[in-house]
Amino acid sequence: MDKNDIFNEEFNGGYAKIDRYDETKVTAVASHYKDIITQLGEDPEREGLLKTPERVAKALQYLTHGYDLKPNEILKSAMFEEDYSQMVVVKDIEVYSMCEHHMLPFFGKAHIAYIPNGKIVGLSKIPRVVDAFARRLQVQERLTNEIRDCIQDTLLPMGVAVVIECKHLCMAMRGIQKQNSVTTTSAFTGTFLSNDKTRAEFLRLVTANLH
């Protein structure tokens, strides 16, 4: 099976449950987790842990399947010429990613806007681009920039704005153990950088309760 087909999310125009895996990778990763469980002081042969290495291997493969996706191609698959030059905002996009420092989850929301310059993109493709970058070992700062750059380089709009707000379990469960802290990152291009009013309008729209 081609690795690019393993996590094909589009079935009948929507999302489908993904339960196909690269069995070679599953076997390799699971073998290491059996040893990890032993090193942690547990018995990998007891009933509750017998299938845990395989489950963890499959979970990690799913959580990092963004490596097998091409975000720019996701956008190119639904680009259309359109004479529209006002702000397009997609907000409250759910984000789930893995901190590359401790391999613990961070999660929250992304708010994205762009100002078209002759081309628009199917709205569902923007959350898909977020997933393609988020489903990798990440830091929030790089994730924010990667989403911005992908949209800017592919659509060539007059500007892109990205704001991400996340909670990090590496801060909540270990280390400083601050459960209520939220990390916010932002990245802008074009008009959003050069025009204060445009940037302010974006921030007003993503903080307003319009629905």
N, C-alpha and C. Protein backbone atom coordinates (compact mmCIF):
# COMPACT_ATOMS: atom_id res chain seq x y z
N MET A 1 0.85 -1.21 0.00
CA MET A 1 0.00 0.00 0.00
C MET A 1 0.87 1.25 0.00
N ASP A 2 0.58 2.18 -0.89
CA ASP A 2 1.30 3.44 -0.93
C ASP A 2 1.06 4.21 0.35
N LYS A 3 2.15 4.72 0.97
CA LYS A 3 2.00 5.41 2.26
C LYS A 3 1.07 6.60 2.16
N ASN A 4 0.99 7.23 0.97
CA ASN A 4 0.12 8.38 0.83
C ASN A 4 -1.35 8.00 0.81
N ASP A 5 -1.65 6.71 0.69
CA ASP A 5 -3.03 6.24 0.71
C ASP A 5 -3.46 5.79 2.11
N ILE A 6 -2.51 5.65 3.02
CA ILE A 6 -2.82 5.08 4.33
C ILE A 6 -3.82 5.95 5.07
N PHE A 7 -3.66 7.26 5.01
CA PHE A 7 -4.51 8.16 5.77
C PHE A 7 -5.33 9.04 4.83
N ASN A 8 -5.91 8.45 3.81
CA ASN A 8 -6.78 9.20 2.91
C ASN A 8 -8.08 9.51 3.62
N GLU A 9 -8.31 10.80 3.91
CA GLU A 9 -9.44 11.20 4.75
C GLU A 9 -10.72 11.47 3.97
N GLU A 10 -10.66 11.51 2.64
CA GLU A 10 -11.80 12.00 1.88
C GLU A 10 -12.56 10.83 1.27
N PHE A 11 -13.73 10.57 1.79
CA PHE A 11 -14.59 9.53 1.26
C PHE A 11 -15.99 10.13 1.09
N ASN A 12 -16.51 10.07 -0.13
CA ASN A 12 -17.85 10.60 -0.41
C ASN A 12 -17.99 12.06 0.01
N GLY A 13 -16.91 12.80 -0.17
CA GLY A 13 -16.97 14.24 0.08
C GLY A 13 -16.85 14.62 1.54
N GLY A 14 -16.57 13.68 2.44
CA GLY A 14 -16.48 14.02 3.86
C GLY A 14 -15.35 13.28 4.54
N TYR A 15 -15.42 13.26 5.85
CA TYR A 15 -14.41 12.56 6.62
C TYR A 15 -14.89 11.15 6.92
N ALA A 16 -13.94 10.25 6.99
CA ALA A 16 -14.26 8.86 7.32
C ALA A 16 -13.34 8.40 8.44
N LYS A 17 -13.78 7.42 9.17
CA LYS A 17 -12.95 6.85 10.22
C LYS A 17 -11.72 6.20 9.57
N ILE A 18 -10.57 6.48 10.12
CA ILE A 18 -9.33 5.97 9.54
C ILE A 18 -8.86 4.78 10.37
N ASP A 19 -8.79 3.61 9.77
CA ASP A 19 -8.36 2.45 10.51
C ASP A 19 -7.41 1.58 9.69
N ARG A 20 -6.69 2.23 8.77
CA ARG A 20 -5.69 1.52 7.98
C ARG A 20 -4.31 2.02 8.38
N TYR A 21 -3.37 1.10 8.54
CA TYR A 21 -2.05 1.45 9.05
C TYR A 21 -0.97 0.72 8.27
N ASP A 22 0.22 1.27 8.32
CA ASP A 22 1.39 0.61 7.78
C ASP A 22 1.83 -0.43 8.80
N GLU A 23 1.53 -1.69 8.52
CA GLU A 23 1.77 -2.74 9.51
C GLU A 23 3.25 -2.91 9.83
N THR A 24 4.13 -2.61 8.88
CA THR A 24 5.57 -2.70 9.15
C THR A 24 5.97 -1.70 10.22
N LYS A 25 5.45 -0.47 10.10
CA LYS A 25 5.73 0.55 11.11
C LYS A 25 5.11 0.19 12.45
N VAL A 26 3.89 -0.33 12.41
CA VAL A 26 3.22 -0.71 13.66
C VAL A 26 4.04 -1.75 14.40
N THR A 27 4.50 -2.76 13.70
CA THR A 27 5.29 -3.82 14.34
C THR A 27 6.58 -3.27 14.92
N ALA A 28 7.26 -2.41 14.16
CA ALA A 28 8.55 -1.86 14.61
C ALA A 28 8.38 -0.99 15.85
N VAL A 29 7.39 -0.09 15.82
CA VAL A 29 7.17 0.82 16.95
C VAL A 29 6.68 0.04 18.17
N ALA A 30 5.78 -0.92 17.95
CA ALA A 30 5.24 -1.70 19.06
C ALA A 30 6.33 -2.47 19.79
N SER A 31 7.32 -2.97 19.05
CA SER A 31 8.39 -3.73 19.70
C SER A 31 9.16 -2.86 20.68
N HIS A 32 9.35 -1.61 20.35
CA HIS A 32 10.05 -0.69 21.25
C HIS A 32 9.18 -0.37 22.46
N TYR A 33 7.89 -0.23 22.27
CA TYR A 33 7.03 0.10 23.40
C TYR A 33 6.89 -1.04 24.39
N LYS A 34 7.03 -2.26 23.94
CA LYS A 34 7.02 -3.38 24.88
C LYS A 34 8.20 -3.26 25.83
N ASP A 35 9.35 -2.89 25.30
CA ASP A 35 10.53 -2.69 26.15
C ASP A 35 10.35 -1.48 27.05
N ILE A 36 9.76 -0.40 26.53
CA ILE A 36 9.52 0.80 27.35
C ILE A 36 8.64 0.47 28.54
N ILE A 37 7.58 -0.29 28.31
CA ILE A 37 6.68 -0.68 29.40
C ILE A 37 7.44 -1.45 30.47
N THR A 38 8.34 -2.34 30.02
CA THR A 38 9.16 -3.09 30.97
C THR A 38 10.07 -2.17 31.77
N GLN A 39 10.71 -1.22 31.08
CA GLN A 39 11.62 -0.30 31.75
C GLN A 39 10.89 0.61 32.74
N LEU A 40 9.60 0.84 32.52
CA LEU A 40 8.82 1.66 33.45
C LEU A 40 8.41 0.89 34.70
N GLY A 41 8.69 -0.42 34.73
CA GLY A 41 8.39 -1.24 35.89
C GLY A 41 7.11 -2.04 35.80
N GLU A 42 6.53 -2.10 34.60
CA GLU A 42 5.30 -2.85 34.40
C GLU A 42 5.58 -4.18 33.70
N ASP A 43 4.56 -5.01 33.68
CA ASP A 43 4.65 -6.31 33.03
C ASP A 43 3.88 -6.25 31.71
N PRO A 44 4.57 -6.20 30.57
CA PRO A 44 3.87 -6.09 29.29
C PRO A 44 3.08 -7.34 28.93
N GLU A 45 3.23 -8.40 29.72
CA GLU A 45 2.51 -9.64 29.43
C GLU A 45 1.21 -9.76 30.22
N ARG A 46 0.96 -8.82 31.13
CA ARG A 46 -0.30 -8.94 31.84
C ARG A 46 -1.45 -8.54 30.93
N GLU A 47 -2.65 -9.00 31.27
CA GLU A 47 -3.79 -8.91 30.36
C GLU A 47 -4.05 -7.50 29.85
N GLY A 48 -4.06 -6.53 30.73
CA GLY A 48 -4.41 -5.17 30.34
C GLY A 48 -3.39 -4.51 29.43
N LEU A 49 -2.17 -5.05 29.38
CA LEU A 49 -1.10 -4.43 28.60
C LEU A 49 -0.69 -5.24 27.38
N LEU A 50 -1.30 -6.39 27.18
CA LEU A 50 -0.86 -7.26 26.09
C LEU A 50 -0.91 -6.56 24.73
N LYS A 51 -1.96 -5.82 24.47
CA LYS A 51 -2.11 -5.18 23.16
C LYS A 51 -1.74 -3.69 23.19
N THR A 52 -1.26 -3.21 24.34
CA THR A 52 -0.93 -1.79 24.46
C THR A 52 0.16 -1.35 23.49
N PRO A 53 1.26 -2.08 23.33
CA PRO A 53 2.27 -1.63 22.36
C PRO A 53 1.72 -1.43 20.96
N GLU A 54 0.86 -2.33 20.50
CA GLU A 54 0.27 -2.19 19.17
C GLU A 54 -0.68 -1.00 19.12
N ARG A 55 -1.47 -0.82 20.19
CA ARG A 55 -2.40 0.31 20.22
C ARG A 55 -1.65 1.64 20.19
N VAL A 56 -0.56 1.73 20.97
CA VAL A 56 0.22 2.96 21.01
C VAL A 56 0.85 3.22 19.64
N ALA A 57 1.36 2.17 19.01
CA ALA A 57 1.99 2.33 17.69
C ALA A 57 0.97 2.86 16.68
N LYS A 58 -0.24 2.34 16.71
CA LYS A 58 -1.28 2.81 15.79
C LYS A 58 -1.69 4.24 16.13
N ALA A 59 -1.80 4.53 17.41
CA ALA A 59 -2.17 5.89 17.82
C ALA A 59 -1.12 6.90 17.36
N LEU A 60 0.15 6.57 17.54
CA LEU A 60 1.21 7.48 17.12
C LEU A 60 1.24 7.66 15.61
N GLN A 61 0.98 6.57 14.89
CA GLN A 61 0.96 6.69 13.44
C GLN A 61 -0.16 7.62 12.99
N TYR A 62 -1.31 7.52 13.64
CA TYR A 62 -2.40 8.42 13.29
C TYR A 62 -2.08 9.86 13.69
N LEU A 63 -1.55 10.05 14.90
CA LEU A 63 -1.28 11.39 15.42
C LEU A 63 -0.20 12.11 14.63
N THR A 64 0.60 11.38 13.86
CA THR A 64 1.66 12.00 13.07
C THR A 64 1.48 11.76 11.57
N HIS A 65 0.25 11.48 11.14
CA HIS A 65 0.06 11.16 9.72
C HIS A 65 0.16 12.38 8.81
N GLY A 66 0.35 13.55 9.40
CA GLY A 66 0.56 14.73 8.58
C GLY A 66 1.82 14.66 7.74
N TYR A 67 2.79 13.84 8.16
CA TYR A 67 4.01 13.70 7.36
C TYR A 67 3.71 13.11 5.98
N ASP A 68 2.62 12.39 5.85
CA ASP A 68 2.27 11.77 4.59
C ASP A 68 1.35 12.63 3.73
N LEU A 69 1.06 13.85 4.21
CA LEU A 69 0.15 14.74 3.48
C LEU A 69 0.94 15.91 2.88
N LYS A 70 0.42 16.46 1.80
CA LYS A 70 1.04 17.60 1.13
C LYS A 70 0.07 18.78 1.21
N PRO A 71 0.27 19.66 2.19
CA PRO A 71 -0.70 20.75 2.42
C PRO A 71 -0.93 21.64 1.21
N ASN A 72 0.12 21.94 0.46
CA ASN A 72 -0.08 22.80 -0.71
C ASN A 72 -0.95 22.12 -1.76
N GLU A 73 -0.83 20.80 -1.88
CA GLU A 73 -1.67 20.07 -2.83
C GLU A 73 -3.13 20.04 -2.37
N ILE A 74 -3.33 20.03 -1.06
CA ILE A 74 -4.70 20.10 -0.53
C ILE A 74 -5.37 21.39 -0.99
N LEU A 75 -4.65 22.50 -0.90
CA LEU A 75 -5.20 23.78 -1.35
C LEU A 75 -5.41 23.80 -2.86
N LYS A 76 -4.43 23.31 -3.61
CA LYS A 76 -4.52 23.33 -5.07
C LYS A 76 -5.68 22.50 -5.60
N SER A 77 -6.14 21.53 -4.81
CA SER A 77 -7.22 20.66 -5.28
C SER A 77 -8.57 21.38 -5.34
N ALA A 78 -8.66 22.57 -4.73
CA ALA A 78 -9.95 23.28 -4.72
C ALA A 78 -9.74 24.78 -4.81
N MET A 79 -8.94 25.22 -5.78
CA MET A 79 -8.73 26.64 -6.02
C MET A 79 -9.59 27.10 -7.19
N PHE A 80 -10.18 28.28 -7.03
CA PHE A 80 -11.10 28.78 -8.06
C PHE A 80 -10.84 30.26 -8.32
N GLU A 81 -10.94 30.66 -9.56
CA GLU A 81 -10.85 32.08 -9.89
C GLU A 81 -12.14 32.77 -9.47
N GLU A 82 -11.99 33.88 -8.75
CA GLU A 82 -13.18 34.59 -8.26
C GLU A 82 -12.81 36.04 -8.02
N ASP A 83 -13.68 36.94 -8.46
CA ASP A 83 -13.45 38.37 -8.27
C ASP A 83 -13.98 38.79 -6.91
N TYR A 84 -13.24 38.43 -5.88
CA TYR A 84 -13.62 38.76 -4.50
C TYR A 84 -12.34 39.18 -3.78
N SER A 85 -12.37 40.34 -3.15
CA SER A 85 -11.14 40.86 -2.54
C SER A 85 -11.35 41.33 -1.11
N GLN A 86 -12.40 40.80 -0.46
CA GLN A 86 -12.62 41.10 0.96
C GLN A 86 -12.11 39.93 1.81
N MET A 87 -12.03 40.17 3.09
CA MET A 87 -11.46 39.18 3.99
C MET A 87 -12.32 37.92 4.07
N VAL A 88 -11.65 36.78 4.02
CA VAL A 88 -12.30 35.48 4.25
C VAL A 88 -11.74 34.93 5.56
N VAL A 89 -12.61 34.65 6.52
CA VAL A 89 -12.18 34.20 7.84
C VAL A 89 -12.77 32.83 8.14
N VAL A 90 -11.92 31.91 8.56
CA VAL A 90 -12.37 30.62 9.07
C VAL A 90 -11.83 30.53 10.50
N LYS A 91 -12.72 30.56 11.47
CA LYS A 91 -12.25 30.59 12.85
C LYS A 91 -12.71 29.36 13.62
N ASP A 92 -12.15 29.21 14.81
CA ASP A 92 -12.49 28.12 15.72
C ASP A 92 -12.21 26.75 15.09
N ILE A 93 -11.11 26.64 14.34
CA ILE A 93 -10.70 25.36 13.78
C ILE A 93 -10.00 24.57 14.88
N GLU A 94 -10.48 23.39 15.16
CA GLU A 94 -9.89 22.58 16.22
C GLU A 94 -8.48 22.14 15.83
N VAL A 95 -7.57 22.26 16.78
CA VAL A 95 -6.17 21.89 16.58
C VAL A 95 -5.80 20.81 17.59
N TYR A 96 -5.23 19.73 17.09
CA TYR A 96 -4.67 18.69 17.96
C TYR A 96 -3.29 18.35 17.42
N SER A 97 -2.28 18.51 18.27
CA SER A 97 -0.92 18.24 17.83
C SER A 97 -0.12 17.62 18.97
N MET A 98 1.14 17.30 18.66
CA MET A 98 2.03 16.67 19.63
C MET A 98 3.28 17.52 19.79
N CYS A 99 3.55 17.94 21.02
CA CYS A 99 4.76 18.70 21.31
C CYS A 99 5.99 17.83 21.03
N GLU A 100 6.91 18.35 20.23
CA GLU A 100 8.07 17.54 19.86
C GLU A 100 9.08 17.40 20.99
N HIS A 101 8.95 18.19 22.04
CA HIS A 101 9.92 18.12 23.13
C HIS A 101 9.63 16.98 24.10
N HIS A 102 8.34 16.74 24.38
CA HIS A 102 7.98 15.69 25.33
C HIS A 102 6.99 14.68 24.74
N MET A 103 6.58 14.90 23.49
CA MET A 103 5.60 14.04 22.83
C MET A 103 4.33 13.91 23.66
N LEU A 104 3.89 15.05 24.20
CA LEU A 104 2.60 15.16 24.86
C LEU A 104 1.72 16.08 24.02
N PRO A 105 0.40 15.92 24.10
CA PRO A 105 -0.48 16.70 23.23
C PRO A 105 -0.53 18.18 23.60
N PHE A 106 -0.76 19.00 22.57
CA PHE A 106 -1.28 20.35 22.80
C PHE A 106 -2.45 20.53 21.85
N PHE A 107 -3.44 21.30 22.32
CA PHE A 107 -4.69 21.37 21.58
C PHE A 107 -5.37 22.71 21.83
N GLY A 108 -6.19 23.10 20.88
CA GLY A 108 -6.90 24.37 21.00
C GLY A 108 -7.60 24.72 19.71
N LYS A 109 -7.48 26.00 19.31
CA LYS A 109 -8.19 26.48 18.13
C LYS A 109 -7.28 27.36 17.27
N ALA A 110 -7.53 27.29 15.96
CA ALA A 110 -6.86 28.18 15.02
C ALA A 110 -7.88 29.09 14.36
N HIS A 111 -7.48 30.33 14.13
CA HIS A 111 -8.31 31.31 13.44
C HIS A 111 -7.49 31.81 12.25
N ILE A 112 -8.06 31.67 11.06
CA ILE A 112 -7.29 31.96 9.84
C ILE A 112 -8.10 32.87 8.92
N ALA A 113 -7.40 33.82 8.31
CA ALA A 113 -8.03 34.70 7.32
C ALA A 113 -7.08 34.92 6.17
N TYR A 114 -7.67 35.18 5.00
CA TYR A 114 -6.87 35.62 3.87
C TYR A 114 -7.70 36.59 3.03
N ILE A 115 -7.02 37.42 2.29
CA ILE A 115 -7.68 38.36 1.40
C ILE A 115 -7.35 37.93 -0.03
N PRO A 116 -8.32 37.42 -0.77
CA PRO A 116 -8.06 36.86 -2.10
C PRO A 116 -7.49 37.90 -3.07
N ASN A 117 -6.72 37.38 -4.00
CA ASN A 117 -6.15 38.21 -5.06
C ASN A 117 -6.41 37.51 -6.39
N GLY A 118 -7.71 37.27 -6.66
CA GLY A 118 -8.11 36.62 -7.90
C GLY A 118 -8.41 35.14 -7.75
N LYS A 119 -8.03 34.55 -6.59
CA LYS A 119 -8.31 33.13 -6.37
C LYS A 119 -8.83 32.91 -4.96
N ILE A 120 -9.82 32.04 -4.84
CA ILE A 120 -10.30 31.60 -3.54
C ILE A 120 -10.09 30.09 -3.44
N VAL A 121 -10.29 29.55 -2.24
CA VAL A 121 -10.10 28.12 -2.03
C VAL A 121 -11.33 27.57 -1.31
N GLY A 122 -11.68 26.32 -1.59
CA GLY A 122 -12.77 25.68 -0.88
C GLY A 122 -12.55 25.75 0.62
N LEU A 123 -13.56 26.18 1.35
CA LEU A 123 -13.39 26.48 2.78
C LEU A 123 -12.93 25.29 3.59
N SER A 124 -13.34 24.07 3.22
CA SER A 124 -12.94 22.89 4.00
C SER A 124 -11.45 22.61 3.89
N LYS A 125 -10.81 23.17 2.86
CA LYS A 125 -9.38 22.89 2.67
C LYS A 125 -8.51 23.59 3.70
N ILE A 126 -9.00 24.69 4.25
CA ILE A 126 -8.20 25.40 5.25
C ILE A 126 -8.05 24.58 6.53
N PRO A 127 -9.14 24.03 7.10
CA PRO A 127 -8.95 23.13 8.24
C PRO A 127 -8.11 21.90 7.91
N ARG A 128 -8.19 21.41 6.67
CA ARG A 128 -7.38 20.27 6.28
C ARG A 128 -5.89 20.62 6.28
N VAL A 129 -5.58 21.84 5.87
CA VAL A 129 -4.18 22.28 5.92
C VAL A 129 -3.71 22.37 7.37
N VAL A 130 -4.58 22.88 8.24
CA VAL A 130 -4.23 22.92 9.66
C VAL A 130 -3.91 21.51 10.17
N ASP A 131 -4.75 20.54 9.85
CA ASP A 131 -4.52 19.16 10.28
C ASP A 131 -3.23 18.60 9.70
N ALA A 132 -2.96 18.90 8.43
CA ALA A 132 -1.78 18.35 7.78
C ALA A 132 -0.49 18.77 8.49
N PHE A 133 -0.46 20.00 8.98
CA PHE A 133 0.72 20.45 9.72
C PHE A 133 0.66 20.07 11.20
N ALA A 134 -0.54 20.06 11.77
CA ALA A 134 -0.67 19.77 13.20
C ALA A 134 -0.39 18.31 13.52
N ARG A 135 -0.73 17.41 12.59
CA ARG A 135 -0.54 15.99 12.83
C ARG A 135 0.91 15.58 12.55
N ARG A 136 1.81 16.26 13.23
CA ARG A 136 3.24 16.00 13.18
C ARG A 136 3.81 16.34 14.56
N LEU A 137 5.04 15.99 14.80
CA LEU A 137 5.71 16.48 16.00
C LEU A 137 5.98 17.97 15.77
N GLN A 138 5.48 18.80 16.69
CA GLN A 138 5.44 20.22 16.41
C GLN A 138 5.81 21.07 17.61
N VAL A 139 6.06 22.33 17.33
CA VAL A 139 5.98 23.41 18.33
C VAL A 139 4.96 24.39 17.78
N GLN A 140 4.25 25.05 18.65
CA GLN A 140 3.14 25.90 18.20
C GLN A 140 3.62 27.05 17.33
N GLU A 141 4.80 27.57 17.64
CA GLU A 141 5.31 28.69 16.86
C GLU A 141 5.54 28.29 15.40
N ARG A 142 6.16 27.13 15.19
CA ARG A 142 6.41 26.69 13.82
C ARG A 142 5.12 26.32 13.11
N LEU A 143 4.20 25.69 13.83
CA LEU A 143 2.91 25.34 13.25
C LEU A 143 2.21 26.57 12.71
N THR A 144 2.23 27.65 13.47
CA THR A 144 1.59 28.90 13.04
C THR A 144 2.21 29.42 11.75
N ASN A 145 3.53 29.44 11.69
CA ASN A 145 4.22 29.93 10.50
C ASN A 145 4.01 29.03 9.29
N GLU A 146 3.99 27.73 9.51
CA GLU A 146 3.83 26.81 8.38
C GLU A 146 2.46 26.96 7.72
N ILE A 147 1.43 27.12 8.54
CA ILE A 147 0.09 27.33 7.99
C ILE A 147 0.04 28.63 7.20
N ARG A 148 0.58 29.70 7.78
CA ARG A 148 0.62 31.00 7.10
C ARG A 148 1.34 30.90 5.76
N ASP A 149 2.53 30.31 5.78
CA ASP A 149 3.35 30.26 4.57
C ASP A 149 2.72 29.40 3.49
N CYS A 150 2.09 28.31 3.87
CA CYS A 150 1.45 27.44 2.89
C CYS A 150 0.33 28.17 2.15
N ILE A 151 -0.51 28.88 2.91
CA ILE A 151 -1.62 29.61 2.28
C ILE A 151 -1.08 30.75 1.43
N GLN A 152 -0.08 31.48 1.93
CA GLN A 152 0.48 32.60 1.18
C GLN A 152 1.15 32.12 -0.11
N ASP A 153 1.96 31.08 -0.02
CA ASP A 153 2.73 30.63 -1.19
C ASP A 153 1.86 29.94 -2.23
N THR A 154 0.74 29.35 -1.82
CA THR A 154 -0.10 28.61 -2.75
C THR A 154 -1.18 29.48 -3.38
N LEU A 155 -1.88 30.27 -2.57
CA LEU A 155 -2.96 31.11 -3.08
C LEU A 155 -2.49 32.47 -3.60
N LEU A 156 -1.32 32.90 -3.12
CA LEU A 156 -0.80 34.24 -3.47
C LEU A 156 -1.83 35.33 -3.19
N PRO A 157 -2.41 35.33 -1.99
CA PRO A 157 -3.41 36.36 -1.66
C PRO A 157 -2.73 37.67 -1.31
N MET A 158 -3.56 38.68 -1.03
CA MET A 158 -3.01 39.98 -0.63
C MET A 158 -2.53 39.96 0.82
N GLY A 159 -2.92 38.94 1.56
CA GLY A 159 -2.45 38.81 2.92
C GLY A 159 -3.04 37.60 3.60
N VAL A 160 -2.34 37.09 4.61
CA VAL A 160 -2.79 35.94 5.40
C VAL A 160 -2.61 36.28 6.87
N ALA A 161 -3.57 35.86 7.69
CA ALA A 161 -3.48 36.02 9.14
C ALA A 161 -3.78 34.69 9.81
N VAL A 162 -2.96 34.32 10.77
CA VAL A 162 -3.15 33.07 11.52
C VAL A 162 -2.95 33.36 13.00
N VAL A 163 -3.92 32.98 13.81
CA VAL A 163 -3.79 33.03 15.27
C VAL A 163 -4.15 31.65 15.81
N ILE A 164 -3.29 31.12 16.68
CA ILE A 164 -3.54 29.81 17.29
C ILE A 164 -3.49 29.96 18.81
N GLU A 165 -4.49 29.39 19.49
CA GLU A 165 -4.56 29.39 20.95
C GLU A 165 -4.60 27.94 21.42
N CYS A 166 -3.65 27.53 22.25
CA CYS A 166 -3.58 26.13 22.66
C CYS A 166 -3.20 25.97 24.13
N LYS A 167 -3.68 24.87 24.69
CA LYS A 167 -3.21 24.38 25.98
C LYS A 167 -2.21 23.26 25.74
N HIS A 168 -1.14 23.25 26.52
CA HIS A 168 -0.06 22.28 26.34
C HIS A 168 0.01 21.36 27.56
N LEU A 169 -0.17 20.08 27.34
CA LEU A 169 -0.14 19.14 28.46
C LEU A 169 1.27 18.99 29.03
N CYS A 170 2.30 19.37 28.27
CA CYS A 170 3.65 19.32 28.84
C CYS A 170 3.81 20.40 29.91
N MET A 171 2.94 21.41 29.90
CA MET A 171 2.92 22.41 30.97
C MET A 171 1.92 22.05 32.06
N ALA A 172 0.83 21.38 31.69
CA ALA A 172 -0.24 21.10 32.65
C ALA A 172 0.01 19.85 33.47
N MET A 173 0.62 18.82 32.87
CA MET A 173 0.76 17.52 33.53
C MET A 173 2.13 17.32 34.18
N ARG A 174 3.10 18.11 33.76
CA ARG A 174 4.46 17.93 34.28
C ARG A 174 5.09 19.32 34.40
N GLY A 175 6.33 19.37 34.84
CA GLY A 175 7.04 20.64 34.90
C GLY A 175 6.33 21.65 35.78
N ILE A 176 5.94 22.77 35.20
CA ILE A 176 5.36 23.87 35.96
C ILE A 176 3.95 23.55 36.45
N GLN A 177 3.25 22.62 35.78
CA GLN A 177 1.92 22.15 36.17
C GLN A 177 0.91 23.30 36.33
N LYS A 178 0.78 24.09 35.31
CA LYS A 178 -0.20 25.17 35.27
C LYS A 178 -1.32 24.77 34.32
N GLN A 179 -2.44 24.31 34.89
CA GLN A 179 -3.50 23.71 34.09
C GLN A 179 -4.29 24.72 33.26
N ASN A 180 -4.30 25.98 33.65
CA ASN A 180 -5.18 26.94 32.98
C ASN A 180 -4.46 27.89 32.03
N SER A 181 -3.18 27.69 31.83
CA SER A 181 -2.45 28.59 30.94
C SER A 181 -2.75 28.27 29.48
N VAL A 182 -2.83 29.32 28.67
CA VAL A 182 -3.08 29.20 27.23
C VAL A 182 -1.98 29.95 26.49
N THR A 183 -1.44 29.31 25.46
CA THR A 183 -0.40 29.92 24.64
C THR A 183 -1.02 30.42 23.34
N THR A 184 -0.78 31.68 23.01
CA THR A 184 -1.30 32.27 21.78
C THR A 184 -0.15 32.68 20.88
N THR A 185 -0.22 32.25 19.62
CA THR A 185 0.78 32.64 18.63
C THR A 185 0.07 33.26 17.43
N SER A 186 0.77 34.13 16.72
CA SER A 186 0.17 34.77 15.55
C SER A 186 1.22 34.92 14.47
N ALA A 187 0.73 34.98 13.22
CA ALA A 187 1.62 35.20 12.08
C ALA A 187 0.82 35.87 10.99
N PHE A 188 1.43 36.89 10.34
CA PHE A 188 0.72 37.69 9.34
C PHE A 188 1.60 37.90 8.11
N THR A 189 0.95 38.11 6.98
CA THR A 189 1.65 38.53 5.76
C THR A 189 0.86 39.65 5.10
N GLY A 190 1.50 40.33 4.16
CA GLY A 190 0.83 41.29 3.30
C GLY A 190 0.06 42.37 4.03
N THR A 191 -1.19 42.54 3.63
CA THR A 191 -2.04 43.60 4.16
C THR A 191 -2.21 43.51 5.67
N PHE A 192 -2.21 42.30 6.20
CA PHE A 192 -2.38 42.15 7.64
C PHE A 192 -1.17 42.68 8.40
N LEU A 193 -0.02 42.71 7.75
CA LEU A 193 1.18 43.27 8.37
C LEU A 193 1.25 44.78 8.21
N SER A 194 0.88 45.26 7.02
CA SER A 194 1.09 46.67 6.70
C SER A 194 -0.06 47.59 7.09
N ASN A 195 -1.25 47.01 7.30
CA ASN A 195 -2.42 47.83 7.56
C ASN A 195 -3.00 47.51 8.93
N ASP A 196 -2.89 48.44 9.84
CA ASP A 196 -3.36 48.22 11.22
C ASP A 196 -4.86 47.99 11.26
N LYS A 197 -5.61 48.70 10.41
CA LYS A 197 -7.07 48.56 10.42
C LYS A 197 -7.49 47.16 9.96
N THR A 198 -6.81 46.63 8.96
CA THR A 198 -7.13 45.28 8.48
C THR A 198 -6.84 44.25 9.55
N ARG A 199 -5.70 44.37 10.20
CA ARG A 199 -5.35 43.44 11.26
C ARG A 199 -6.33 43.54 12.42
N ALA A 200 -6.73 44.77 12.77
CA ALA A 200 -7.68 44.97 13.86
C ALA A 200 -9.04 44.37 13.51
N GLU A 201 -9.45 44.48 12.24
CA GLU A 201 -10.73 43.90 11.83
C GLU A 201 -10.69 42.38 11.97
N PHE A 202 -9.58 41.78 11.57
CA PHE A 202 -9.43 40.33 11.72
C PHE A 202 -9.54 39.93 13.18
N LEU A 203 -8.83 40.61 14.04
CA LEU A 203 -8.86 40.25 15.47
C LEU A 203 -10.25 40.47 16.06
N ARG A 204 -10.96 41.49 15.60
CA ARG A 204 -12.32 41.72 16.07
C ARG A 204 -13.24 40.58 15.64
N LEU A 205 -13.09 40.14 14.40
CA LEU A 205 -13.95 39.08 13.88
C LEU A 205 -13.70 37.75 14.58
N VAL A 206 -12.45 37.44 14.89
CA VAL A 206 -12.18 36.13 15.51
C VAL A 206 -12.53 36.11 17.00
N THR A 207 -12.67 37.29 17.60
CA THR A 207 -13.06 37.33 19.01
C THR A 207 -14.55 37.58 19.21
N ALA A 208 -15.24 37.97 18.11
CA ALA A 208 -16.68 38.25 18.22
C ALA A 208 -17.47 36.97 18.22
N ASN A 209 -18.57 36.98 18.95
CA ASN A 209 -19.47 35.83 18.99
C ASN A 209 -20.57 36.07 17.96
N LEU A 210 -20.30 35.65 16.70
CA LEU A 210 -21.22 35.95 15.61
C LEU A 210 -22.17 34.81 15.29
N HIS A 211 -22.02 33.68 15.97
CA HIS A 211 -22.86 32.53 15.61
C HIS A 211 -23.50 31.93 16.85
